[in-house]
PDB file of N, CA and C in Angstrom:
ATOM      1  N   UNK A   1      50.950 201.815 138.900  1.00  0.00           N
ATOM      2  CA  UNK A   1      52.355 202.151 138.787  1.00  0.00           C
ATOM      3  C   UNK A   1      52.906 201.403 137.556  1.00  0.00           C
ATOM      4  N   UNK A   2      53.501 202.128 136.616  1.00  0.00           N
ATOM      5  CA  UNK A   2      53.995 201.495 135.385  1.00  0.00           C
ATOM      6  C   UNK A   2      55.267 200.668 135.634  1.00  0.00           C
ATOM      7  N   UNK A   3      55.492 199.701 134.772  1.00  0.00           N
ATOM      8  CA  UNK A   3      56.708 198.894 134.822  1.00  0.00           C
ATOM      9  C   UNK A   3      57.866 199.676 134.219  1.00  0.00           C
ATOM     10  N   UNK A   4      59.061 199.509 134.796  1.00  0.00           N
ATOM     11  CA  UNK A   4      60.251 200.187 134.295  1.00  0.00           C
ATOM     12  C   UNK A   4      61.396 199.191 134.235  1.00  0.00           C
ATOM     13  N   UNK A   5      62.406 199.524 133.442  1.00  0.00           N
ATOM     14  CA  UNK A   5      63.598 198.679 133.357  1.00  0.00           C
ATOM     15  C   UNK A   5      64.636 199.166 134.364  1.00  0.00           C
ATOM     16  N   UNK A   6      65.257 198.201 135.038  1.00  0.00           N
ATOM     17  CA  UNK A   6      66.278 198.479 136.038  1.00  0.00           C
ATOM     18  C   UNK A   6      67.456 197.574 135.730  1.00  0.00           C
ATOM     19  N   UNK A   7      68.659 198.163 135.603  1.00  0.00           N
ATOM     20  CA  UNK A   7      69.852 197.379 135.294  1.00  0.00           C
ATOM     21  C   UNK A   7      70.690 197.190 136.551  1.00  0.00           C
ATOM     22  N   UNK A   8      70.974 195.924 136.872  1.00  0.00           N
ATOM     23  CA  UNK A   8      71.819 195.586 138.011  1.00  0.00           C
ATOM     24  C   UNK A   8      72.841 194.570 137.527  1.00  0.00           C
ATOM     25  N   UNK A   9      74.111 194.944 137.560  1.00  0.00           N
ATOM     26  CA  UNK A   9      75.174 194.026 137.157  1.00  0.00           C
ATOM     27  C   UNK A   9      75.019 193.536 135.729  1.00  0.00           C
ATOM     28  N   UNK A  10      74.732 194.421 134.808  1.00  0.00           N
ATOM     29  CA  UNK A  10      74.566 194.113 133.383  1.00  0.00           C
ATOM     30  C   UNK A  10      73.383 193.207 133.088  1.00  0.00           C
ATOM     31  N   UNK A  11      72.452 193.086 134.016  1.00  0.00           N
ATOM     32  CA  UNK A  11      71.221 192.336 133.795  1.00  0.00           C
ATOM     33  C   UNK A  11      70.066 193.321 133.896  1.00  0.00           C
ATOM     34  N   UNK A  12      69.167 193.290 132.929  1.00  0.00           N
ATOM     35  CA  UNK A  12      68.039 194.209 132.917  1.00  0.00           C
ATOM     36  C   UNK A  12      66.802 193.495 133.466  1.00  0.00           C
ATOM     37  N   UNK A  13      66.173 194.127 134.456  1.00  0.00           N
ATOM     38  CA  UNK A  13      64.959 193.612 135.076  1.00  0.00           C
ATOM     39  C   UNK A  13      63.807 194.560 134.776  1.00  0.00           C
ATOM     40  N   UNK A  14      62.629 194.024 134.617  1.00  0.00           N
ATOM     41  CA  UNK A  14      61.431 194.836 134.474  1.00  0.00           C
ATOM     42  C   UNK A  14      60.701 194.785 135.811  1.00  0.00           C
ATOM     43  N   UNK A  15      60.470 195.959 136.392  1.00  0.00           N
ATOM     44  CA  UNK A  15      59.909 196.007 137.741  1.00  0.00           C
ATOM     45  C   UNK A  15      59.148 197.306 137.958  1.00  0.00           C
ATOM     46  N   UNK A  16      58.508 197.400 139.102  1.00  0.00           N
ATOM     47  CA  UNK A  16      57.872 198.646 139.528  1.00  0.00           C
ATOM     48  C   UNK A  16      58.792 199.282 140.577  1.00  0.00           C
ATOM     49  N   UNK A  17      59.251 200.482 140.301  1.00  0.00           N
ATOM     50  CA  UNK A  17      60.151 201.175 141.228  1.00  0.00           C
ATOM     51  C   UNK A  17      59.329 202.056 142.163  1.00  0.00           C
ATOM     52  N   UNK A  18      59.522 201.883 143.462  1.00  0.00           N
ATOM     53  CA  UNK A  18      58.789 202.682 144.436  1.00  0.00           C
ATOM     54  C   UNK A  18      59.492 204.020 144.665  1.00  0.00           C
ATOM     55  N   UNK A  19      58.755 204.957 145.244  1.00  0.00           N
ATOM     56  CA  UNK A  19      59.370 206.251 145.554  1.00  0.00           C
ATOM     57  C   UNK A  19      60.462 206.078 146.615  1.00  0.00           C
ATOM     58  N   UNK A  20      60.294 205.115 147.516  1.00  0.00           N
ATOM     59  CA  UNK A  20      61.323 204.851 148.518  1.00  0.00           C
ATOM     60  C   UNK A  20      62.624 204.437 147.835  1.00  0.00           C
ATOM     61  N   UNK A  21      62.532 203.590 146.810  1.00  0.00           N
ATOM     62  CA  UNK A  21      63.721 203.167 146.078  1.00  0.00           C
ATOM     63  C   UNK A  21      64.341 204.341 145.318  1.00  0.00           C
ATOM     64  N   UNK A  22      63.517 205.125 144.651  1.00  0.00           N
ATOM     65  CA  UNK A  22      64.028 206.266 143.868  1.00  0.00           C
ATOM     66  C   UNK A  22      64.727 207.300 144.752  1.00  0.00           C
ATOM     67  N   UNK A  23      64.241 207.493 145.972  1.00  0.00           N
ATOM     68  CA  UNK A  23      64.761 208.542 146.855  1.00  0.00           C
ATOM     69  C   UNK A  23      65.826 208.045 147.827  1.00  0.00           C
ATOM     70  N   UNK A  24      66.267 206.797 147.658  1.00  0.00           N
ATOM     71  CA  UNK A  24      67.266 206.242 148.568  1.00  0.00           C
ATOM     72  C   UNK A  24      68.597 206.979 148.416  1.00  0.00           C
ATOM     73  N   UNK A  25      69.385 206.926 149.486  1.00  0.00           N
ATOM     74  CA  UNK A  25      70.714 207.520 149.440  1.00  0.00           C
ATOM     75  C   UNK A  25      71.652 206.510 148.794  1.00  0.00           C
ATOM     76  N   UNK A  26      72.419 206.943 147.811  1.00  0.00           N
ATOM     77  CA  UNK A  26      73.351 206.048 147.127  1.00  0.00           C
ATOM     78  C   UNK A  26      74.475 205.634 148.064  1.00  0.00           C
ATOM     79  N   UNK A  27      74.916 204.391 147.908  1.00  0.00           N
ATOM     80  CA  UNK A  27      75.994 203.865 148.731  1.00  0.00           C
ATOM     81  C   UNK A  27      77.302 204.546 148.361  1.00  0.00           C
ATOM     82  N   UNK A  28      78.087 204.859 149.360  1.00  0.00           N
ATOM     83  CA  UNK A  28      79.427 205.430 149.154  1.00  0.00           C
ATOM     84  C   UNK A  28      80.398 204.651 150.033  1.00  0.00           C
ATOM     85  N   UNK A  29      81.589 204.413 149.527  1.00  0.00           N
ATOM     86  CA  UNK A  29      82.599 203.687 150.290  1.00  0.00           C
ATOM     87  C   UNK A  29      82.928 204.475 151.562  1.00  0.00           C
ATOM     88  N   UNK A  30      82.863 203.821 152.735  1.00  0.00           N
ATOM     89  CA  UNK A  30      83.187 204.523 153.977  1.00  0.00           C
ATOM     90  C   UNK A  30      84.657 204.934 154.031  1.00  0.00           C
ATOM     91  N   UNK A  31      84.925 206.033 154.692  1.00  0.00           N
ATOM     92  CA  UNK A  31      86.294 206.513 154.879  1.00  0.00           C
ATOM     93  C   UNK A  31      86.953 205.650 155.949  1.00  0.00           C
ATOM     94  N   UNK A  32      88.027 204.943 155.602  1.00  0.00           N
ATOM     95  CA  UNK A  32      88.711 204.043 156.536  1.00  0.00           C
ATOM     96  C   UNK A  32      89.332 204.782 157.715  1.00  0.00           C
ATOM     97  N   UNK A  33      89.508 206.079 157.587  1.00  0.00           N
ATOM     98  CA  UNK A  33      90.155 206.850 158.648  1.00  0.00           C
ATOM     99  C   UNK A  33      89.159 207.374 159.679  1.00  0.00           C
ATOM    100  N   UNK A  34      87.866 207.144 159.442  1.00  0.00           N
ATOM    101  CA  UNK A  34      86.837 207.492 160.410  1.00  0.00           C
ATOM    102  C   UNK A  34      86.284 206.184 160.965  1.00  0.00           C
ATOM    103  N   UNK A  35      86.668 205.830 162.178  1.00  0.00           N
ATOM    104  CA  UNK A  35      86.291 204.551 162.782  1.00  0.00           C
ATOM    105  C   UNK A  35      84.979 204.748 163.540  1.00  0.00           C
ATOM    106  N   UNK A  36      83.964 203.971 163.177  1.00  0.00           N
ATOM    107  CA  UNK A  36      82.647 204.086 163.793  1.00  0.00           C
ATOM    108  C   UNK A  36      82.246 202.793 164.492  1.00  0.00           C
ATOM    109  N   UNK A  37      81.261 202.889 165.368  1.00  0.00           N
ATOM    110  CA  UNK A  37      80.752 201.722 166.083  1.00  0.00           C
ATOM    111  C   UNK A  37      79.886 200.896 165.135  1.00  0.00           C
ATOM    112  N   UNK A  38      80.165 199.610 165.042  1.00  0.00           N
ATOM    113  CA  UNK A  38      79.369 198.738 164.175  1.00  0.00           C
ATOM    114  C   UNK A  38      78.114 198.243 164.894  1.00  0.00           C
ATOM    115  N   UNK A  39      78.116 198.332 166.236  1.00  0.00           N
ATOM    116  CA  UNK A  39      76.953 197.987 167.042  1.00  0.00           C
ATOM    117  C   UNK A  39      76.869 198.974 168.202  1.00  0.00           C
ATOM    118  N   UNK A  40      75.681 199.180 168.775  1.00  0.00           N
ATOM    119  CA  UNK A  40      75.597 200.055 169.943  1.00  0.00           C
ATOM    120  C   UNK A  40      76.235 199.385 171.151  1.00  0.00           C
ATOM    121  N   UNK A  41      76.793 200.173 172.046  1.00  0.00           N
ATOM    122  CA  UNK A  41      77.416 199.600 173.231  1.00  0.00           C
ATOM    123  C   UNK A  41      78.002 200.670 174.129  1.00  0.00           C
ATOM    124  N   UNK A  42      78.837 200.220 175.067  1.00  0.00           N
ATOM    125  CA  UNK A  42      79.470 201.100 176.045  1.00  0.00           C
ATOM    126  C   UNK A  42      80.985 201.020 175.880  1.00  0.00           C
ATOM    127  N   UNK A  43      81.634 202.174 175.872  1.00  0.00           N
ATOM    128  CA  UNK A  43      83.089 202.221 175.759  1.00  0.00           C
ATOM    129  C   UNK A  43      83.680 201.784 177.102  1.00  0.00           C
ATOM    130  N   UNK A  44      84.384 200.662 177.110  1.00  0.00           N
ATOM    131  CA  UNK A  44      84.967 200.119 178.339  1.00  0.00           C
ATOM    132  C   UNK A  44      86.363 200.679 178.591  1.00  0.00           C
ATOM    133  N   UNK A  45      87.185 200.727 177.543  1.00  0.00           N
ATOM    134  CA  UNK A  45      88.576 201.153 177.724  1.00  0.00           C
ATOM    135  C   UNK A  45      89.084 201.782 176.439  1.00  0.00           C
ATOM    136  N   UNK A  46      89.815 202.875 176.574  1.00  0.00           N
ATOM    137  CA  UNK A  46      90.481 203.520 175.443  1.00  0.00           C
ATOM    138  C   UNK A  46      91.967 203.239 175.585  1.00  0.00           C
ATOM    139  N   UNK A  47      92.561 202.651 174.551  1.00  0.00           N
ATOM    140  CA  UNK A  47      93.952 202.198 174.643  1.00  0.00           C
ATOM    141  C   UNK A  47      94.915 203.026 173.794  1.00  0.00           C
ATOM    142  N   UNK A  48      94.461 204.148 173.234  1.00  0.00           N
ATOM    143  CA  UNK A  48      95.320 205.013 172.420  1.00  0.00           C
ATOM    144  C   UNK A  48      95.173 206.452 172.890  1.00  0.00           C
ATOM    145  N   UNK A  49      96.096 207.294 172.438  1.00  0.00           N
ATOM    146  CA  UNK A  49      96.063 208.716 172.772  1.00  0.00           C
ATOM    147  C   UNK A  49      96.163 209.529 171.490  1.00  0.00           C
ATOM    148  N   UNK A  50      95.648 210.739 171.521  1.00  0.00           N
ATOM    149  CA  UNK A  50      95.757 211.641 170.382  1.00  0.00           C
ATOM    150  C   UNK A  50      97.240 211.861 170.078  1.00  0.00           C
ATOM    151  N   UNK A  51      97.604 211.790 168.805  1.00  0.00           N
ATOM    152  CA  UNK A  51      98.990 211.970 168.384  1.00  0.00           C
ATOM    153  C   UNK A  51      99.774 210.673 168.296  1.00  0.00           C
ATOM    154  N   UNK A  52      99.225 209.588 168.816  1.00  0.00           N
ATOM    155  CA  UNK A  52      99.914 208.296 168.793  1.00  0.00           C
ATOM    156  C   UNK A  52      99.835 207.675 167.399  1.00  0.00           C
ATOM    157  N   UNK A  53     100.931 207.091 166.953  1.00  0.00           N
ATOM    158  CA  UNK A  53     100.962 206.379 165.666  1.00  0.00           C
ATOM    159  C   UNK A  53     100.504 204.952 165.918  1.00  0.00           C
ATOM    160  N   UNK A  54      99.591 204.464 165.076  1.00  0.00           N
ATOM    161  CA  UNK A  54      99.084 203.093 165.215  1.00  0.00           C
ATOM    162  C   UNK A  54      99.293 202.332 163.914  1.00  0.00           C
ATOM    163  N   UNK A  55      99.540 201.056 164.052  1.00  0.00           N
ATOM    164  CA  UNK A  55      99.636 200.151 162.901  1.00  0.00           C
ATOM    165  C   UNK A  55      98.247 199.594 162.615  1.00  0.00           C
ATOM    166  N   UNK A  56      97.999 199.175 161.394  1.00  0.00           N
ATOM    167  CA  UNK A  56      96.736 198.521 161.062  1.00  0.00           C
ATOM    168  C   UNK A  56      96.596 197.266 161.922  1.00  0.00           C
ATOM    169  N   UNK A  57      95.435 197.087 162.536  1.00  0.00           N
ATOM    170  CA  UNK A  57      95.191 195.923 163.373  1.00  0.00           C
ATOM    171  C   UNK A  57      95.453 196.135 164.853  1.00  0.00           C
ATOM    172  N   UNK A  58      96.002 197.305 165.228  1.00  0.00           N
ATOM    173  CA  UNK A  58      96.266 197.580 166.648  1.00  0.00           C
ATOM    174  C   UNK A  58      94.942 197.863 167.363  1.00  0.00           C
ATOM    175  N   UNK A  59      94.720 197.259 168.538  1.00  0.00           N
ATOM    176  CA  UNK A  59      93.514 197.564 169.310  1.00  0.00           C
ATOM    177  C   UNK A  59      93.524 199.025 169.769  1.00  0.00           C
ATOM    178  N   UNK A  60      92.416 199.727 169.529  1.00  0.00           N
ATOM    179  CA  UNK A  60      92.319 201.131 169.917  1.00  0.00           C
ATOM    180  C   UNK A  60      91.417 201.328 171.123  1.00  0.00           C
ATOM    181  N   UNK A  61      90.338 200.559 171.195  1.00  0.00           N
ATOM    182  CA  UNK A  61      89.448 200.656 172.334  1.00  0.00           C
ATOM    183  C   UNK A  61      88.614 199.394 172.450  1.00  0.00           C
ATOM    184  N   UNK A  62      87.931 199.271 173.591  1.00  0.00           N
ATOM    185  CA  UNK A  62      87.048 198.124 173.813  1.00  0.00           C
ATOM    186  C   UNK A  62      85.627 198.641 173.931  1.00  0.00           C
ATOM    187  N   UNK A  63      84.747 198.063 173.116  1.00  0.00           N
ATOM    188  CA  UNK A  63      83.333 198.407 173.089  1.00  0.00           C
ATOM    189  C   UNK A  63      82.557 197.199 173.612  1.00  0.00           C
ATOM    190  N   UNK A  64      81.883 197.368 174.741  1.00  0.00           N
ATOM    191  CA  UNK A  64      81.092 196.266 175.290  1.00  0.00           C
ATOM    192  C   UNK A  64      79.674 196.359 174.748  1.00  0.00           C
ATOM    193  N   UNK A  65      79.206 195.244 174.205  1.00  0.00           N
ATOM    194  CA  UNK A  65      77.852 195.180 173.669  1.00  0.00           C
ATOM    195  C   UNK A  65      77.302 193.786 173.934  1.00  0.00           C
ATOM    196  N   UNK A  66      76.119 193.713 174.483  1.00  0.00           N
ATOM    197  CA  UNK A  66      75.454 192.443 174.760  1.00  0.00           C
ATOM    198  C   UNK A  66      76.347 191.521 175.592  1.00  0.00           C
ATOM    199  N   UNK A  67      76.981 192.073 176.621  1.00  0.00           N
ATOM    200  CA  UNK A  67      77.856 191.348 177.551  1.00  0.00           C
ATOM    201  C   UNK A  67      79.104 190.774 176.888  1.00  0.00           C
ATOM    202  N   UNK A  68      79.464 191.300 175.718  1.00  0.00           N
ATOM    203  CA  UNK A  68      80.687 190.869 175.038  1.00  0.00           C
ATOM    204  C   UNK A  68      81.607 192.070 174.889  1.00  0.00           C
ATOM    205  N   UNK A  69      82.897 191.845 175.128  1.00  0.00           N
ATOM    206  CA  UNK A  69      83.891 192.904 174.967  1.00  0.00           C
ATOM    207  C   UNK A  69      84.489 192.783 173.568  1.00  0.00           C
ATOM    208  N   UNK A  70      84.298 193.812 172.753  1.00  0.00           N
ATOM    209  CA  UNK A  70      84.760 193.826 171.369  1.00  0.00           C
ATOM    210  C   UNK A  70      85.916 194.806 171.225  1.00  0.00           C
ATOM    211  N   UNK A  71      87.067 194.315 170.770  1.00  0.00           N
ATOM    212  CA  UNK A  71      88.195 195.202 170.497  1.00  0.00           C
ATOM    213  C   UNK A  71      87.946 195.894 169.164  1.00  0.00           C
ATOM    214  N   UNK A  72      88.067 197.210 169.157  1.00  0.00           N
ATOM    215  CA  UNK A  72      87.976 197.981 167.923  1.00  0.00           C
ATOM    216  C   UNK A  72      89.403 198.191 167.451  1.00  0.00           C
ATOM    217  N   UNK A  73      89.712 197.661 166.266  1.00  0.00           N
ATOM    218  CA  UNK A  73      91.074 197.687 165.740  1.00  0.00           C
ATOM    219  C   UNK A  73      91.255 198.818 164.736  1.00  0.00           C
ATOM    220  N   UNK A  74      92.477 199.315 164.627  1.00  0.00           N
ATOM    221  CA  UNK A  74      92.795 200.327 163.618  1.00  0.00           C
ATOM    222  C   UNK A  74      92.694 199.680 162.240  1.00  0.00           C
ATOM    223  N   UNK A  75      91.864 200.220 161.346  1.00  0.00           N
ATOM    224  CA  UNK A  75      91.709 199.622 160.025  1.00  0.00           C
ATOM    225  C   UNK A  75      92.902 199.868 159.105  1.00  0.00           C
ATOM    226  N   UNK A  76      93.626 200.965 159.355  1.00  0.00           N
ATOM    227  CA  UNK A  76      94.786 201.333 158.536  1.00  0.00           C
ATOM    228  C   UNK A  76      95.854 201.929 159.461  1.00  0.00           C
ATOM    229  N   UNK A  77      97.069 202.022 158.947  1.00  0.00           N
ATOM    230  CA  UNK A  77      98.138 202.684 159.695  1.00  0.00           C
ATOM    231  C   UNK A  77      97.877 204.178 159.687  1.00  0.00           C
ATOM    232  N   UNK A  78      98.194 204.846 160.789  1.00  0.00           N
ATOM    233  CA  UNK A  78      98.007 206.289 160.832  1.00  0.00           C
ATOM    234  C   UNK A  78      98.305 206.855 162.204  1.00  0.00           C
ATOM    235  N   UNK A  79      97.988 208.134 162.355  1.00  0.00           N
ATOM    236  CA  UNK A  79      98.166 208.849 163.614  1.00  0.00           C
ATOM    237  C   UNK A  79      96.782 209.220 164.127  1.00  0.00           C
ATOM    238  N   UNK A  80      96.547 209.027 165.426  1.00  0.00           N
ATOM    239  CA  UNK A  80      95.255 209.363 166.026  1.00  0.00           C
ATOM    240  C   UNK A  80      95.081 210.881 165.995  1.00  0.00           C
ATOM    241  N   UNK A  81      94.084 211.338 165.223  1.00  0.00           N
ATOM    242  CA  UNK A  81      93.797 212.776 165.139  1.00  0.00           C
ATOM    243  C   UNK A  81      92.855 213.192 166.258  1.00  0.00           C
ATOM    244  N   UNK A  82      91.831 212.374 166.538  1.00  0.00           N
ATOM    245  CA  UNK A  82      90.856 212.724 167.569  1.00  0.00           C
ATOM    246  C   UNK A  82      90.197 211.460 168.100  1.00  0.00           C
ATOM    247  N   UNK A  83      89.876 211.492 169.385  1.00  0.00           N
ATOM    248  CA  UNK A  83      89.097 210.429 170.015  1.00  0.00           C
ATOM    249  C   UNK A  83      87.773 211.074 170.398  1.00  0.00           C
ATOM    250  N   UNK A  84      86.690 210.591 169.832  1.00  0.00           N
ATOM    251  CA  UNK A  84      85.384 211.229 169.961  1.00  0.00           C
ATOM    252  C   UNK A  84      84.503 210.629 171.048  1.00  0.00           C
ATOM    253  N   UNK A  85      85.064 209.751 171.897  1.00  0.00           N
ATOM    254  CA  UNK A  85      84.306 209.109 172.963  1.00  0.00           C
ATOM    255  C   UNK A  85      85.123 209.125 174.252  1.00  0.00           C
ATOM    256  N   UNK A  86      84.481 208.778 175.353  1.00  0.00           N
ATOM    257  CA  UNK A  86      85.189 208.651 176.622  1.00  0.00           C
ATOM    258  C   UNK A  86      84.773 207.340 177.282  1.00  0.00           C
ATOM    259  N   UNK A  87      85.591 206.857 178.191  1.00  0.00           N
ATOM    260  CA  UNK A  87      85.295 205.596 178.869  1.00  0.00           C
ATOM    261  C   UNK A  87      83.985 205.720 179.638  1.00  0.00           C
ATOM    262  N   UNK A  88      83.156 204.672 179.531  1.00  0.00           N
ATOM    263  CA  UNK A  88      81.854 204.655 180.189  1.00  0.00           C
ATOM    264  C   UNK A  88      80.731 205.228 179.345  1.00  0.00           C
ATOM    265  N   UNK A  89      81.056 205.858 178.237  1.00  0.00           N
ATOM    266  CA  UNK A  89      80.040 206.462 177.369  1.00  0.00           C
ATOM    267  C   UNK A  89      79.290 205.385 176.586  1.00  0.00           C
ATOM    268  N   UNK A  90      77.971 205.532 176.498  1.00  0.00           N
ATOM    269  CA  UNK A  90      77.165 204.655 175.664  1.00  0.00           C
ATOM    270  C   UNK A  90      77.055 205.289 174.283  1.00  0.00           C
ATOM    271  N   UNK A  91      77.293 204.474 173.246  1.00  0.00           N
ATOM    272  CA  UNK A  91      77.275 204.996 171.881  1.00  0.00           C
ATOM    273  C   UNK A  91      76.287 204.199 171.030  1.00  0.00           C
ATOM    274  N   UNK A  92      75.617 204.875 170.091  1.00  0.00           N
ATOM    275  CA  UNK A  92      74.723 204.165 169.175  1.00  0.00           C
ATOM    276  C   UNK A  92      75.515 203.583 168.006  1.00  0.00           C
ATOM    277  N   UNK A  93      74.867 202.745 167.229  1.00  0.00           N
ATOM    278  CA  UNK A  93      75.476 202.208 166.011  1.00  0.00           C
ATOM    279  C   UNK A  93      75.851 203.369 165.104  1.00  0.00           C
ATOM    280  N   UNK A  94      76.984 203.252 164.423  1.00  0.00           N
ATOM    281  CA  UNK A  94      77.504 204.250 163.477  1.00  0.00           C
ATOM    282  C   UNK A  94      78.065 205.503 164.122  1.00  0.00           C
ATOM    283  N   UNK A  95      78.171 205.546 165.450  1.00  0.00           N
ATOM    284  CA  UNK A  95      78.746 206.709 166.139  1.00  0.00           C
ATOM    285  C   UNK A  95      80.239 206.778 165.840  1.00  0.00           C
ATOM    286  N   UNK A  96      80.747 207.970 165.548  1.00  0.00           N
ATOM    287  CA  UNK A  96      82.170 208.166 165.284  1.00  0.00           C
ATOM    288  C   UNK A  96      82.960 207.975 166.573  1.00  0.00           C
ATOM    289  N   UNK A  97      83.934 207.066 166.556  1.00  0.00           N
ATOM    290  CA  UNK A  97      84.739 206.756 167.725  1.00  0.00           C
ATOM    291  C   UNK A  97      86.106 207.417 167.673  1.00  0.00           C
ATOM    292  N   UNK A  98      86.827 207.210 166.554  1.00  0.00           N
ATOM    293  CA  UNK A  98      88.211 207.684 166.422  1.00  0.00           C
ATOM    294  C   UNK A  98      88.438 208.195 165.007  1.00  0.00           C
ATOM    295  N   UNK A  99      89.185 209.296 164.893  1.00  0.00           N
ATOM    296  CA  UNK A  99      89.619 209.806 163.583  1.00  0.00           C
ATOM    297  C   UNK A  99      91.112 209.581 163.447  1.00  0.00           C
ATOM    298  N   UNK A 100      91.523 209.070 162.305  1.00  0.00           N
ATOM    299  CA  UNK A 100      92.956 208.847 162.008  1.00  0.00           C
ATOM    300  C   UNK A 100      93.407 209.821 160.927  1.00  0.00           C
ATOM    301  N   UNK A 101      94.695 210.201 160.958  1.00  0.00           N
ATOM    302  CA  UNK A 101      95.308 210.986 159.869  1.00  0.00           C
ATOM    303  C   UNK A 101      96.036 210.051 158.956  1.00  0.00           C
TER     304      UNK A 101
END
């Protein structure tokens, strides 16, 4: 495998690039209005309703993971467009929980 130049933060490195690296999905900034689970767990309580206006930082639901209750907070101000989970549901990491307008 030949050596190639790779630029990261205005620094040039000489390296061997693997096919896994070449075919990786580029990072994109997540949409703040799509709230996802950061860890797998069980939805314990939903504290908002569709159509409700929420302020940034307001608790929207409780996700229990590893015997800990985690409050999922609204990342931005908005109106609840959709709630994609129900109480008692087990969700994997990155599962869409709530959509905001």
